[in-house]
Structure formats: structure tokens, C-alpha cells
PDB file of N, CA and C in Angstrom:
ATOM      1  N   MET A   1      -4.705   2.144   3.613  1.00  0.00           N
ATOM      2  CA  MET A   1      -5.237   1.539   4.819  1.00  0.00           C
ATOM      3  C   MET A   1      -6.509   0.774   4.473  1.00  0.00           C
ATOM      4  N   HIS A   2      -6.577  -0.466   4.884  1.00  0.00           N
ATOM      5  CA  HIS A   2      -7.768  -1.268   4.638  1.00  0.00           C
ATOM      6  C   HIS A   2      -8.536  -1.356   5.948  1.00  0.00           C
ATOM      7  N   SER A   3      -9.751  -0.888   5.911  1.00  0.00           N
ATOM      8  CA  SER A   3     -10.427  -0.603   7.167  1.00  0.00           C
ATOM      9  C   SER A   3     -11.775  -1.265   7.423  1.00  0.00           C
ATOM     10  N   PRO A   4     -12.213  -2.243   6.669  1.00  0.00           N
ATOM     11  CA  PRO A   4     -13.556  -2.766   6.952  1.00  0.00           C
ATOM     12  C   PRO A   4     -13.707  -3.377   8.346  1.00  0.00           C
ATOM     13  N   ALA A   5     -12.720  -4.118   8.819  1.00  0.00           N
ATOM     14  CA  ALA A   5     -12.846  -4.739  10.146  1.00  0.00           C
ATOM     15  C   ALA A   5     -12.913  -3.693  11.258  1.00  0.00           C
ATOM     16  N   PRO A   6     -12.048  -2.668  11.251  1.00  0.00           N
ATOM     17  CA  PRO A   6     -12.194  -1.630  12.280  1.00  0.00           C
ATOM     18  C   PRO A   6     -13.520  -0.883  12.202  1.00  0.00           C
ATOM     19  N   VAL A   7     -14.033  -0.681  11.000  1.00  0.00           N
ATOM     20  CA  VAL A   7     -15.337  -0.016  10.860  1.00  0.00           C
ATOM     21  C   VAL A   7     -16.414  -0.868  11.512  1.00  0.00           C
ATOM     22  N   LEU A   8     -16.396  -2.175  11.259  1.00  0.00           N
ATOM     23  CA  LEU A   8     -17.380  -3.071  11.887  1.00  0.00           C
ATOM     24  C   LEU A   8     -17.228  -3.064  13.405  1.00  0.00           C
ATOM     25  N   ALA A   9     -15.982  -2.994  13.883  1.00  0.00           N
ATOM     26  CA  ALA A   9     -15.760  -2.963  15.333  1.00  0.00           C
ATOM     27  C   ALA A   9     -16.342  -1.686  15.938  1.00  0.00           C
ATOM     28  N   LEU A  10     -16.140  -0.555  15.290  1.00  0.00           N
ATOM     29  CA  LEU A  10     -16.715   0.700  15.783  1.00  0.00           C
ATOM     30  C   LEU A  10     -18.238   0.631  15.808  1.00  0.00           C
ATOM     31  N   LEU A  11     -18.816   0.064  14.766  1.00  0.00           N
ATOM     32  CA  LEU A  11     -20.275  -0.053  14.724  1.00  0.00           C
ATOM     33  C   LEU A  11     -20.786  -0.972  15.835  1.00  0.00           C
ATOM     34  N   ALA A  12     -20.042  -2.016  16.118  1.00  0.00           N
ATOM     35  CA  ALA A  12     -20.456  -2.943  17.175  1.00  0.00           C
ATOM     36  C   ALA A  12     -20.382  -2.288  18.549  1.00  0.00           C
ATOM     37  N   LEU A  13     -19.433  -1.385  18.725  1.00  0.00           N
ATOM     38  CA  LEU A  13     -19.256  -0.728  20.022  1.00  0.00           C
ATOM     39  C   LEU A  13     -20.209   0.442  20.227  1.00  0.00           C
ATOM     40  N   ALA A  14     -20.666   1.039  19.143  1.00  0.00           N
ATOM     41  CA  ALA A  14     -21.567   2.197  19.253  1.00  0.00           C
ATOM     42  C   ALA A  14     -22.973   1.711  19.573  1.00  0.00           C
ATOM     43  N   PRO A  15     -23.541   2.161  20.646  1.00  0.00           N
ATOM     44  CA  PRO A  15     -24.903   1.743  20.977  1.00  0.00           C
ATOM     45  C   PRO A  15     -25.898   2.270  19.945  1.00  0.00           C
ATOM     46  N   GLU A  16     -26.935   1.482  19.713  1.00  0.00           N
ATOM     47  CA  GLU A  16     -27.972   1.865  18.742  1.00  0.00           C
ATOM     48  C   GLU A  16     -28.598   3.209  19.089  1.00  0.00           C
ATOM     49  N   ALA A  17     -28.723   3.498  20.363  1.00  0.00           N
ATOM     50  CA  ALA A  17     -29.381   4.732  20.792  1.00  0.00           C
ATOM     51  C   ALA A  17     -28.423   5.917  20.868  1.00  0.00           C
ATOM     52  N   ALA A  18     -27.186   5.733  20.380  1.00  0.00           N
ATOM     53  CA  ALA A  18     -26.209   6.825  20.432  1.00  0.00           C
ATOM     54  C   ALA A  18     -26.682   7.982  19.571  1.00  0.00           C
ATOM     55  N   PRO A  19     -26.280   9.187  19.915  1.00  0.00           N
ATOM     56  CA  PRO A  19     -26.638  10.338  19.091  1.00  0.00           C
ATOM     57  C   PRO A  19     -26.169  10.139  17.653  1.00  0.00           C
ATOM     58  N   ALA A  20     -26.884  10.738  16.722  1.00  0.00           N
ATOM     59  CA  ALA A  20     -26.572  10.563  15.304  1.00  0.00           C
ATOM     60  C   ALA A  20     -25.137  10.955  14.978  1.00  0.00           C
ATOM     61  N   ASP A  21     -24.577  11.894  15.717  1.00  0.00           N
ATOM     62  CA  ASP A  21     -23.219  12.327  15.420  1.00  0.00           C
ATOM     63  C   ASP A  21     -22.150  11.542  16.194  1.00  0.00           C
ATOM     64  N   ALA A  22     -22.539  10.498  16.901  1.00  0.00           N
ATOM     65  CA  ALA A  22     -21.574   9.706  17.659  1.00  0.00           C
ATOM     66  C   ALA A  22     -20.541   9.077  16.725  1.00  0.00           C
ATOM     67  N   LEU A  23     -20.977   8.619  15.584  1.00  0.00           N
ATOM     68  CA  LEU A  23     -20.088   8.076  14.557  1.00  0.00           C
ATOM     69  C   LEU A  23     -20.373   8.819  13.263  1.00  0.00           C
ATOM     70  N   ASP A  24     -19.337   9.229  12.585  1.00  0.00           N
ATOM     71  CA  ASP A  24     -19.502   9.875  11.288  1.00  0.00           C
ATOM     72  C   ASP A  24     -19.572   8.771  10.235  1.00  0.00           C
ATOM     73  N   ARG A  25     -20.777   8.229  10.040  1.00  0.00           N
ATOM     74  CA  ARG A  25     -20.950   7.091   9.133  1.00  0.00           C
ATOM     75  C   ARG A  25     -20.510   7.387   7.702  1.00  0.00           C
ATOM     76  N   PRO A  26     -20.823   8.567   7.147  1.00  0.00           N
ATOM     77  CA  PRO A  26     -20.313   8.840   5.795  1.00  0.00           C
ATOM     78  C   PRO A  26     -18.779   8.808   5.723  1.00  0.00           C
ATOM     79  N   ALA A  27     -18.110   9.322   6.752  1.00  0.00           N
ATOM     80  CA  ALA A  27     -16.643   9.284   6.763  1.00  0.00           C
ATOM     81  C   ALA A  27     -16.154   7.846   6.860  1.00  0.00           C
ATOM     82  N   LEU A  28     -16.800   7.045   7.694  1.00  0.00           N
ATOM     83  CA  LEU A  28     -16.421   5.632   7.801  1.00  0.00           C
ATOM     84  C   LEU A  28     -16.648   4.909   6.477  1.00  0.00           C
ATOM     85  N   ALA A  29     -17.753   5.208   5.801  1.00  0.00           N
ATOM     86  CA  ALA A  29     -18.044   4.578   4.512  1.00  0.00           C
ATOM     87  C   ALA A  29     -16.991   4.936   3.472  1.00  0.00           C
ATOM     88  N   GLY A  30     -16.383   6.098   3.615  1.00  0.00           N
ATOM     89  CA  GLY A  30     -15.343   6.496   2.688  1.00  0.00           C
ATOM     90  C   GLY A  30     -14.064   5.690   2.816  1.00  0.00           C
ATOM     91  N   LEU A  31     -13.879   5.044   3.937  1.00  0.00           N
ATOM     92  CA  LEU A  31     -12.668   4.267   4.184  1.00  0.00           C
ATOM     93  C   LEU A  31     -12.742   2.846   3.622  1.00  0.00           C
ATOM     94  N   VAL A  32     -13.921   2.395   3.272  1.00  0.00           N
ATOM     95  CA  VAL A  32     -14.142   0.975   3.007  1.00  0.00           C
ATOM     96  C   VAL A  32     -14.021   0.529   1.544  1.00  0.00           C
ATOM     97  N   PRO A  33     -14.522   1.256   0.547  1.00  0.00           N
ATOM     98  CA  PRO A  33     -14.584   0.701  -0.818  1.00  0.00           C
ATOM     99  C   PRO A  33     -13.264   0.197  -1.387  1.00  0.00           C
ATOM    100  N   ALA A  34     -12.155   0.840  -1.102  1.00  0.00           N
ATOM    101  CA  ALA A  34     -10.878   0.401  -1.665  1.00  0.00           C
ATOM    102  C   ALA A  34     -10.547  -1.032  -1.272  1.00  0.00           C
ATOM    103  N   SER A  35     -10.953  -1.457  -0.105  1.00  0.00           N
ATOM    104  CA  SER A  35     -10.670  -2.829   0.329  1.00  0.00           C
ATOM    105  C   SER A  35     -11.363  -3.856  -0.564  1.00  0.00           C
ATOM    106  N   ALA A  36     -12.555  -3.537  -1.011  1.00  0.00           N
ATOM    107  CA  ALA A  36     -13.261  -4.440  -1.920  1.00  0.00           C
ATOM    108  C   ALA A  36     -12.665  -4.367  -3.320  1.00  0.00           C
ATOM    109  N   GLU A  37     -12.362  -3.169  -3.770  1.00  0.00           N
ATOM    110  CA  GLU A  37     -11.866  -2.979  -5.131  1.00  0.00           C
ATOM    111  C   GLU A  37     -10.481  -3.570  -5.335  1.00  0.00           C
ATOM    112  N   GLU A  38      -9.684  -3.621  -4.284  1.00  0.00           N
ATOM    113  CA  GLU A  38      -8.304  -4.091  -4.388  1.00  0.00           C
ATOM    114  C   GLU A  38      -8.124  -5.501  -3.844  1.00  0.00           C
ATOM    115  N   ASP A  39      -9.209  -6.171  -3.527  1.00  0.00           N
ATOM    116  CA  ASP A  39      -9.186  -7.524  -2.985  1.00  0.00           C
ATOM    117  C   ASP A  39      -8.386  -7.629  -1.695  1.00  0.00           C
ATOM    118  N   ALA A  40      -8.410  -6.580  -0.894  1.00  0.00           N
ATOM    119  CA  ALA A  40      -7.749  -6.644   0.403  1.00  0.00           C
ATOM    120  C   ALA A  40      -8.615  -7.408   1.393  1.00  0.00           C
ATOM    121  N   ASP A  41      -9.905  -7.157   1.364  1.00  0.00           N
ATOM    122  CA  ASP A  41     -10.854  -7.833   2.251  1.00  0.00           C
ATOM    123  C   ASP A  41     -12.264  -7.541   1.723  1.00  0.00           C
ATOM    124  N   PRO A  42     -12.572  -8.017   0.526  1.00  0.00           N
ATOM    125  CA  PRO A  42     -13.816  -7.606  -0.118  1.00  0.00           C
ATOM    126  C   PRO A  42     -15.083  -8.035   0.616  1.00  0.00           C
ATOM    127  N   GLY A  43     -15.111  -9.215   1.166  1.00  0.00           N
ATOM    128  CA  GLY A  43     -16.311  -9.668   1.868  1.00  0.00           C
ATOM    129  C   GLY A  43     -16.622  -8.811   3.080  1.00  0.00           C
ATOM    130  N   THR A  44     -15.600  -8.523   3.868  1.00  0.00           N
ATOM    131  CA  THR A  44     -15.792  -7.688   5.050  1.00  0.00           C
ATOM    132  C   THR A  44     -16.126  -6.254   4.648  1.00  0.00           C
ATOM    133  N   ALA A  45     -15.556  -5.775   3.539  1.00  0.00           N
ATOM    134  CA  ALA A  45     -15.862  -4.428   3.057  1.00  0.00           C
ATOM    135  C   ALA A  45     -17.344  -4.314   2.705  1.00  0.00           C
ATOM    136  N   LEU A  46     -17.882  -5.309   2.031  1.00  0.00           N
ATOM    137  CA  LEU A  46     -19.305  -5.277   1.675  1.00  0.00           C
ATOM    138  C   LEU A  46     -20.178  -5.378   2.922  1.00  0.00           C
ATOM    139  N   GLU A  47     -19.744  -6.185   3.888  1.00  0.00           N
ATOM    140  CA  GLU A  47     -20.475  -6.293   5.151  1.00  0.00           C
ATOM    141  C   GLU A  47     -20.484  -4.946   5.880  1.00  0.00           C
ATOM    142  N   ALA A  48     -19.344  -4.253   5.868  1.00  0.00           N
ATOM    143  CA  ALA A  48     -19.254  -2.953   6.538  1.00  0.00           C
ATOM    144  C   ALA A  48     -20.147  -1.923   5.849  1.00  0.00           C
ATOM    145  N   LEU A  49     -20.142  -1.886   4.519  1.00  0.00           N
ATOM    146  CA  LEU A  49     -21.002  -0.939   3.801  1.00  0.00           C
ATOM    147  C   LEU A  49     -22.468  -1.212   4.108  1.00  0.00           C
ATOM    148  N   SER A  50     -22.822  -2.474   4.158  1.00  0.00           N
ATOM    149  CA  SER A  50     -24.198  -2.847   4.477  1.00  0.00           C
ATOM    150  C   SER A  50     -24.560  -2.407   5.887  1.00  0.00           C
ATOM    151  N   ALA A  51     -23.657  -2.614   6.826  1.00  0.00           N
ATOM    152  CA  ALA A  51     -23.920  -2.246   8.220  1.00  0.00           C
ATOM    153  C   ALA A  51     -24.006  -0.734   8.407  1.00  0.00           C
ATOM    154  N   LEU A  52     -23.249   0.012   7.614  1.00  0.00           N
ATOM    155  CA  LEU A  52     -23.296   1.470   7.719  1.00  0.00           C
ATOM    156  C   LEU A  52     -24.636   2.030   7.247  1.00  0.00           C
ATOM    157  N   GLY A  53     -25.257   1.349   6.303  1.00  0.00           N
ATOM    158  CA  GLY A  53     -26.580   1.763   5.838  1.00  0.00           C
ATOM    159  C   GLY A  53     -26.555   2.786   4.725  1.00  0.00           C
ATOM    160  N   ARG A  54     -27.694   2.955   4.103  1.00  0.00           N
ATOM    161  CA  ARG A  54     -27.838   3.833   2.939  1.00  0.00           C
ATOM    162  C   ARG A  54     -27.468   5.281   3.246  1.00  0.00           C
ATOM    163  N   GLU A  55     -27.806   5.764   4.415  1.00  0.00           N
ATOM    164  CA  GLU A  55     -27.556   7.160   4.762  1.00  0.00           C
ATOM    165  C   GLU A  55     -26.074   7.499   4.731  1.00  0.00           C
ATOM    166  N   ALA A  56     -25.216   6.508   4.907  1.00  0.00           N
ATOM    167  CA  ALA A  56     -23.777   6.742   4.937  1.00  0.00           C
ATOM    168  C   ALA A  56     -23.157   6.802   3.546  1.00  0.00           C
ATOM    169  N   LEU A  57     -23.899   6.378   2.546  1.00  0.00           N
ATOM    170  CA  LEU A  57     -23.313   6.263   1.213  1.00  0.00           C
ATOM    171  C   LEU A  57     -23.629   7.471   0.345  1.00  0.00           C
ATOM    172  N   THR A  58     -22.585   8.122  -0.126  1.00  0.00           N
ATOM    173  CA  THR A  58     -22.744   9.229  -1.065  1.00  0.00           C
ATOM    174  C   THR A  58     -22.991   8.651  -2.461  1.00  0.00           C
ATOM    175  N   GLY A  59     -23.316   9.513  -3.382  1.00  0.00           N
ATOM    176  CA  GLY A  59     -23.504   9.075  -4.765  1.00  0.00           C
ATOM    177  C   GLY A  59     -22.260   8.408  -5.321  1.00  0.00           C
ATOM    178  N   ASP A  60     -21.076   8.943  -4.969  1.00  0.00           N
ATOM    179  CA  ASP A  60     -19.828   8.361  -5.434  1.00  0.00           C
ATOM    180  C   ASP A  60     -19.644   6.947  -4.892  1.00  0.00           C
ATOM    181  N   ARG A  61     -20.002   6.740  -3.636  1.00  0.00           N
ATOM    182  CA  ARG A  61     -19.829   5.396  -3.055  1.00  0.00           C
ATOM    183  C   ARG A  61     -20.830   4.400  -3.646  1.00  0.00           C
ATOM    184  N   ILE A  62     -22.034   4.856  -3.930  1.00  0.00           N
ATOM    185  CA  ILE A  62     -23.004   3.992  -4.618  1.00  0.00           C
ATOM    186  C   ILE A  62     -22.481   3.647  -6.011  1.00  0.00           C
ATOM    187  N   HIS A  63     -21.903   4.634  -6.683  1.00  0.00           N
ATOM    188  CA  HIS A  63     -21.331   4.406  -8.011  1.00  0.00           C
ATOM    189  C   HIS A  63     -20.201   3.372  -7.939  1.00  0.00           C
ATOM    190  N   ARG A  64     -19.329   3.485  -6.941  1.00  0.00           N
ATOM    191  CA  ARG A  64     -18.225   2.530  -6.792  1.00  0.00           C
ATOM    192  C   ARG A  64     -18.732   1.128  -6.486  1.00  0.00           C
ATOM    193  N   LEU A  65     -19.760   1.026  -5.663  1.00  0.00           N
ATOM    194  CA  LEU A  65     -20.349  -0.273  -5.362  1.00  0.00           C
ATOM    195  C   LEU A  65     -21.004  -0.866  -6.609  1.00  0.00           C
ATOM    196  N   THR A  66     -21.676  -0.024  -7.386  1.00  0.00           N
ATOM    197  CA  THR A  66     -22.276  -0.471  -8.643  1.00  0.00           C
ATOM    198  C   THR A  66     -21.206  -0.968  -9.606  1.00  0.00           C
ATOM    199  N   ALA A  67     -20.117  -0.223  -9.710  1.00  0.00           N
ATOM    200  CA  ALA A  67     -19.022  -0.622 -10.594  1.00  0.00           C
ATOM    201  C   ALA A  67     -18.433  -1.966 -10.165  1.00  0.00           C
ATOM    202  N   LEU A  68     -18.298  -2.168  -8.872  1.00  0.00           N
ATOM    203  CA  LEU A  68     -17.780  -3.438  -8.368  1.00  0.00           C
ATOM    204  C   LEU A  68     -18.722  -4.590  -8.729  1.00  0.00           C
ATOM    205  N   ALA A  69     -20.006  -4.349  -8.627  1.00  0.00           N
ATOM    206  CA  ALA A  69     -20.992  -5.393  -8.909  1.00  0.00           C
ATOM    207  C   ALA A  69     -21.118  -5.708 -10.394  1.00  0.00           C
ATOM    208  N   GLU A  70     -20.837  -4.727 -11.252  1.00  0.00           N
ATOM    209  CA  GLU A  70     -21.149  -4.891 -12.673  1.00  0.00           C
ATOM    210  C   GLU A  70     -19.956  -4.853 -13.615  1.00  0.00           C
ATOM    211  N   ARG A  71     -18.793  -4.558 -13.128  1.00  0.00           N
ATOM    212  CA  ARG A  71     -17.664  -4.351 -14.035  1.00  0.00           C
ATOM    213  C   ARG A  71     -17.192  -5.648 -14.686  1.00  0.00           C
ATOM    214  N   ASP A  72     -16.496  -5.480 -15.801  1.00  0.00           N
ATOM    215  CA  ASP A  72     -15.944  -6.623 -16.521  1.00  0.00           C
ATOM    216  C   ASP A  72     -14.611  -7.077 -15.937  1.00  0.00           C
ATOM    217  N   ARG A  73     -13.829  -6.119 -15.460  1.00  0.00           N
ATOM    218  CA  ARG A  73     -12.514  -6.446 -14.896  1.00  0.00           C
ATOM    219  C   ARG A  73     -12.696  -7.215 -13.592  1.00  0.00           C
ATOM    220  N   ARG A  74     -11.954  -8.264 -13.450  1.00  0.00           N
ATOM    221  CA  ARG A  74     -12.066  -9.092 -12.253  1.00  0.00           C
ATOM    222  C   ARG A  74     -11.225  -8.540 -11.114  1.00  0.00           C
ATOM    223  N   VAL A  75     -11.718  -8.763  -9.895  1.00  0.00           N
ATOM    224  CA  VAL A  75     -10.906  -8.527  -8.711  1.00  0.00           C
ATOM    225  C   VAL A  75     -10.069  -9.789  -8.563  1.00  0.00           C
ATOM    226  N   VAL A  76      -8.762  -9.645  -8.693  1.00  0.00           N
ATOM    227  CA  VAL A  76      -7.877 -10.805  -8.767  1.00  0.00           C
ATOM    228  C   VAL A  76      -7.068 -10.943  -7.487  1.00  0.00           C
ATOM    229  N   CYS A  77      -7.094 -12.154  -6.966  1.00  0.00           N
ATOM    230  CA  CYS A  77      -6.240 -12.484  -5.831  1.00  0.00           C
ATOM    231  C   CYS A  77      -5.405 -13.691  -6.234  1.00  0.00           C
ATOM    232  N   ALA A  78      -4.532 -14.094  -5.390  1.00  0.00           N
ATOM    233  CA  ALA A  78      -3.681 -15.239  -5.698  1.00  0.00           C
ATOM    234  C   ALA A  78      -4.505 -16.515  -5.726  1.00  0.00           C
ATOM    235  N   GLY A  79      -4.103 -17.413  -6.572  1.00  0.00           N
ATOM    236  CA  GLY A  79      -4.773 -18.704  -6.634  1.00  0.00           C
ATOM    237  C   GLY A  79      -4.856 -19.220  -8.050  1.00  0.00           C
ATOM    238  N   LEU A  80      -5.505 -20.343  -8.193  1.00  0.00           N
ATOM    239  CA  LEU A  80      -5.696 -20.938  -9.508  1.00  0.00           C
ATOM    240  C   LEU A  80      -6.757 -20.160 -10.282  1.00  0.00           C
ATOM    241  N   GLU A  81      -6.620 -20.136 -11.584  1.00  0.00           N
ATOM    242  CA  GLU A  81      -7.504 -19.337 -12.431  1.00  0.00           C
ATOM    243  C   GLU A  81      -8.980 -19.629 -12.176  1.00  0.00           C
ATOM    244  N   GLY A  82      -9.350 -20.883 -12.114  1.00  0.00           N
ATOM    245  CA  GLY A  82     -10.747 -21.245 -11.900  1.00  0.00           C
ATOM    246  C   GLY A  82     -11.284 -20.745 -10.571  1.00  0.00           C
ATOM    247  N   GLU A  83     -10.472 -20.834  -9.533  1.00  0.00           N
ATOM    248  CA  GLU A  83     -10.896 -20.358  -8.215  1.00  0.00           C
ATOM    249  C   GLU A  83     -10.985 -18.834  -8.184  1.00  0.00           C
ATOM    250  N   ILE A  84     -10.072 -18.149  -8.872  1.00  0.00           N
ATOM    251  CA  ILE A  84     -10.126 -16.689  -8.957  1.00  0.00           C
ATOM    252  C   ILE A  84     -11.442 -16.263  -9.591  1.00  0.00           C
ATOM    253  N   ILE A  85     -11.820 -16.935 -10.658  1.00  0.00           N
ATOM    254  CA  ILE A  85     -13.064 -16.597 -11.366  1.00  0.00           C
ATOM    255  C   ILE A  85     -14.266 -16.853 -10.470  1.00  0.00           C
ATOM    256  N   ARG A  86     -14.314 -17.995  -9.802  1.00  0.00           N
ATOM    257  CA  ARG A  86     -15.441 -18.304  -8.915  1.00  0.00           C
ATOM    258  C   ARG A  86     -15.513 -17.318  -7.745  1.00  0.00           C
ATOM    259  N   ALA A  87     -14.356 -16.983  -7.161  1.00  0.00           N
ATOM    260  CA  ALA A  87     -14.341 -16.028  -6.050  1.00  0.00           C
ATOM    261  C   ALA A  87     -14.829 -14.655  -6.514  1.00  0.00           C
ATOM    262  N   ASP A  88     -14.425 -14.245  -7.701  1.00  0.00           N
ATOM    263  CA  ASP A  88     -14.870 -12.954  -8.228  1.00  0.00           C
ATOM    264  C   ASP A  88     -16.368 -12.966  -8.497  1.00  0.00           C
ATOM    265  N   GLU A  89     -16.882 -14.057  -9.009  1.00  0.00           N
ATOM    266  CA  GLU A  89     -18.332 -14.150  -9.252  1.00  0.00           C
ATOM    267  C   GLU A  89     -19.109 -14.080  -7.935  1.00  0.00           C
ATOM    268  N   ARG A  90     -18.603 -14.729  -6.888  1.00  0.00           N
ATOM    269  CA  ARG A  90     -19.255 -14.646  -5.572  1.00  0.00           C
ATOM    270  C   ARG A  90     -19.206 -13.213  -5.038  1.00  0.00           C
ATOM    271  N   LEU A  91     -18.075 -12.543  -5.234  1.00  0.00           N
ATOM    272  CA  LEU A  91     -17.941 -11.153  -4.801  1.00  0.00           C
ATOM    273  C   LEU A  91     -18.942 -10.256  -5.534  1.00  0.00           C
ATOM    274  N   ARG A  92     -19.048 -10.419  -6.837  1.00  0.00           N
ATOM    275  CA  ARG A  92     -19.993  -9.612  -7.617  1.00  0.00           C
ATOM    276  C   ARG A  92     -21.432  -9.859  -7.170  1.00  0.00           C
ATOM    277  N   GLU A  93     -21.762 -11.110  -6.916  1.00  0.00           N
ATOM    278  CA  GLU A  93     -23.129 -11.430  -6.482  1.00  0.00           C
ATOM    279  C   GLU A  93     -23.419 -10.782  -5.129  1.00  0.00           C
ATOM    280  N   LYS A  94     -22.465 -10.872  -4.217  1.00  0.00           N
ATOM    281  CA  LYS A  94     -22.661 -10.245  -2.910  1.00  0.00           C
ATOM    282  C   LYS A  94     -22.766  -8.725  -3.053  1.00  0.00           C
ATOM    283  N   ALA A  95     -21.945  -8.137  -3.928  1.00  0.00           N
ATOM    284  CA  ALA A  95     -22.012  -6.693  -4.164  1.00  0.00           C
ATOM    285  C   ALA A  95     -23.383  -6.306  -4.727  1.00  0.00           C
ATOM    286  N   ARG A  96     -23.928  -7.108  -5.634  1.00  0.00           N
ATOM    287  CA  ARG A  96     -25.269  -6.827  -6.180  1.00  0.00           C
ATOM    288  C   ARG A  96     -26.332  -6.924  -5.100  1.00  0.00           C
ATOM    289  N   THR A  97     -26.202  -7.893  -4.209  1.00  0.00           N
ATOM    290  CA  THR A  97     -27.159  -8.054  -3.114  1.00  0.00           C
ATOM    291  C   THR A  97     -27.117  -6.863  -2.163  1.00  0.00           C
ATOM    292  N   VAL A  98     -25.912  -6.453  -1.785  1.00  0.00           N
ATOM    293  CA  VAL A  98     -25.758  -5.299  -0.891  1.00  0.00           C
ATOM    294  C   VAL A  98     -26.271  -4.036  -1.571  1.00  0.00           C
ATOM    295  N   LEU A  99     -25.920  -3.853  -2.830  1.00  0.00           N
ATOM    296  CA  LEU A  99     -26.370  -2.680  -3.578  1.00  0.00           C
ATOM    297  C   LEU A  99     -27.892  -2.617  -3.641  1.00  0.00           C
ATOM    298  N   ALA A 100     -28.525  -3.738  -3.947  1.00  0.00           N
ATOM    299  CA  ALA A 100     -29.994  -3.767  -4.016  1.00  0.00           C
ATOM    300  C   ALA A 100     -30.611  -3.436  -2.665  1.00  0.00           C
ATOM    301  N   ALA A 101     -30.060  -3.996  -1.605  1.00  0.00           N
ATOM    302  CA  ALA A 101     -30.607  -3.737  -0.265  1.00  0.00           C
ATOM    303  C   ALA A 101     -30.461  -2.272   0.118  1.00  0.00           C
ATOM    304  N   LEU A 102     -29.340  -1.672  -0.255  1.00  0.00           N
ATOM    305  CA  LEU A 102     -29.087  -0.297   0.144  1.00  0.00           C
ATOM    306  C   LEU A 102     -29.802   0.731  -0.727  1.00  0.00           C
ATOM    307  N   THR A 103     -30.085   0.381  -1.959  1.00  0.00           N
ATOM    308  CA  THR A 103     -30.695   1.369  -2.859  1.00  0.00           C
ATOM    309  C   THR A 103     -32.202   1.202  -3.018  1.00  0.00           C
ATOM    310  N   THR A 104     -32.741   0.080  -2.618  1.00  0.00           N
ATOM    311  CA  THR A 104     -34.185  -0.116  -2.751  1.00  0.00           C
ATOM    312  C   THR A 104     -34.885  -0.111  -1.406  1.00  0.00           C
ATOM    313  N   GLY A 105     -34.124   0.128  -0.355  1.00  0.00           N
ATOM    314  CA  GLY A 105     -34.733   0.147   0.981  1.00  0.00           C
ATOM    315  C   GLY A 105     -35.050  -1.234   1.499  1.00  0.00           C
ATOM    316  N   GLY A 106     -34.403  -2.244   0.927  1.00  0.00           N
ATOM    317  CA  GLY A 106     -34.669  -3.597   1.339  1.00  0.00           C
ATOM    318  C   GLY A 106     -34.025  -3.998   2.648  1.00  0.00           C
ATOM    319  N   GLY A 107     -33.288  -3.084   3.255  1.00  0.00           N
ATOM    320  CA  GLY A 107     -32.653  -3.403   4.527  1.00  0.00           C
ATOM    321  C   GLY A 107     -31.331  -4.091   4.335  1.00  0.00           C
ATOM    322  N   THR A 108     -30.812  -4.613   5.408  1.00  0.00           N
ATOM    323  CA  THR A 108     -29.531  -5.297   5.392  1.00  0.00           C
ATOM    324  C   THR A 108     -29.688  -6.664   4.754  1.00  0.00           C
ATOM    325  N   PRO A 109     -28.785  -7.007   3.793  1.00  0.00           N
ATOM    326  CA  PRO A 109     -28.893  -8.321   3.142  1.00  0.00           C
ATOM    327  C   PRO A 109     -28.588  -9.460   4.087  1.00  0.00           C
TER     328      PRO A 109
END
């Protein structure tokens, strides 16, 4: 199941002043990384992780985000080789930006 868009929808519907347990953010964060890793919807997956915030990310999820930002293996989708490479480089850059914002307290990228 690829879930970044539904996660963003839930976050949009939950009021900011809702009780902390209104949404299980760590559980929602667990649904998202595979979408980025498998090129199902990587941009939206990174947006969802950013919106969930640092508190929602376990050490394993930070590790997966780090691996996405720094790994040698490309996230491959259909298309011409040059475009695949450029799209993967944009994905890695966005992953590095989100990772930095979430791990250094820099806020939402």
C-alpha cells in the first residue's frame, strides 16, 4: 500500500489543536517510506514525512531516509536514462533537505 497522499489528507483534516493522540503520527510515518524507496510516489512521501515531523520518526525511519538520500543505487522509474538519473538526483536532494530539517530542528523544508 502506498500511502503518502492519504497521510497528508489526514494531517490536513486534523486540527492543529487536536489532542496529541488524535493521530498516531509514528504509525502514519511507518506507512510512508516504502513509497519513496520504490518510486511509487517519492515526492509526496518526502512531503508527508516532513509534515509528520521529527517526533513521528523512529531511528529506523531516520535510517531509511538517510539511506534514500545517500545510497548509490538509484530509484528507477520508467523513462529515458538521462531523465531517470536527473529525477533520482532531484529525489536525493529533496531527501537530504527533509532529513536535515528533521534532524537538526530546522523545521519543515
